[in-house]
Amino acid sequence: MGKRGRASNEAFDENEVLGDGFNLSREQVKKIESELFRDPSSLRMRLLLLGFYGRGGCCRDAEENQEAFLEHLIWMIDNYPGSKILSHTQPFAYNNRSFSKVKWHWLRAIKLSPHNVRVLNNAAHCCILPAPKLAEKLWRRARQIEPQNEEWPRELSHLYKLSANNPKARKDRIQAKKSIEEGKRALELHKEFPKSSYLETYMVMTVQELAELALKFDLDDATKYFGEYLRDRGRRRRPSKKARHSRFEEHMGHSILGRCASKSGDTERAKMHLSKMPNLGDPYWRHDLILARVVLEAGEKGAVVEYLDGCAQNISEELKRTANKTVTEQQVPAWLSIEHESYDESIDFNEFVRMRLEWKIEQITKWRNIIHRGRMAKLETFI
């Protein structure tokens, strides 16, 4: 293509344009490439082609497509190194030669903007798999610049977790402990400096992943910390407008604490946590069943049946409220499915919710009957 020009300023949503590129045809791509030859500084056209050749961040197999992807990626690094799309457009099948080329451009961008944390973050995401030590160095530097930003210890926690797989390996155990410590640091920063962020949006998922890591490596104090963090956060926020989310945080906090108790041999305490969970679950989304499985495996069938009854009651109450709602104009698309069941036509949203809740009650009834017959029900991770 033509010479790399100075990046132009065009007002649009970069992620949206990148997504548009995923669905381009080869004919459209040829036209865009011809236009780009005449105007190599067009950010919009670069993003479209980056989306096409990257297909959501994973470069296609054909060598010429990989080369095209690299060309547009490097142009972005040189001209827009702080762009948000670069934090999630990196992971494709690097070979040593292509990664060395990309890495060189990132290091040059960092040299030009050594205190720009967005540039440091994007470069670190590029290196997380092929050069984890460099990614660690970059996120540590970002943390030095912004010590109160929860994002950097959260990223470091994820980085270390990728290397913590074998509980019997000393090296992996060290990485697990580092991941947990950075995770704790991110959570404490979020508590002290709350803000709208990835951690706020995916709080339950993030804490649950950290708790799973702690359980896997038998780090009981850490497991307890994560369970209490979620439970207490949920309790504090329950009077707020986000009561539904806060109840679920409390629900999952009890699940983690119950599993921690069970692992230490305290089945009674595990049952106590399980008994507190039914009304805190989210009928629309889920009731956790991991602790119920653990308690069932310990032979406490009565406690599990009681929990399942509580979940069914919670869902039934929501079903009654849903039944009183009027038909809405909001439609569920035909391709949407409920547990592998598809619809040929779109349906009313409230009808979809009712069907979903009824299916959950049927599933719980089935598990409950299996347990009553003295058999071991194969509970899912949630319902």
Foldseek 3Di string as FASTA:
>chain_A
DADADAADDDDDDLVVLLCQLCPDDPVVLVVLVVVCNVVVNYPSSLSSLLSNQCVFQEGDDDPVSVVSNLVSLLSCLQHPLLDPVLLRNADYDDDPVSLVVSLVSLVVSCVVVVQDLSNLNSSLSNPLPVPVVSSLVSLVSNCVNPVLALVSLQVQLVSLQVQQDDLVDPSNLVSLVSSLVSLVSSLVSCVVPPDDDPCVVCVLVSLVVNLVSCVNNVVLVSLLVSLCSQLVQLVVCCVDPVVLVSLVSNLVSLLSVLVSCVVVPNLVSSLVSLLPRQLSFDLQPWHFCPSLLSSVVVVPLVSSLNSLVSNLVNLVVVLVVLVPDDFDPDWDQQQDDAPPHGHPGIDTPSVVSNVNSVVSNVVSVVQSVCVVVVHHRDDDRID
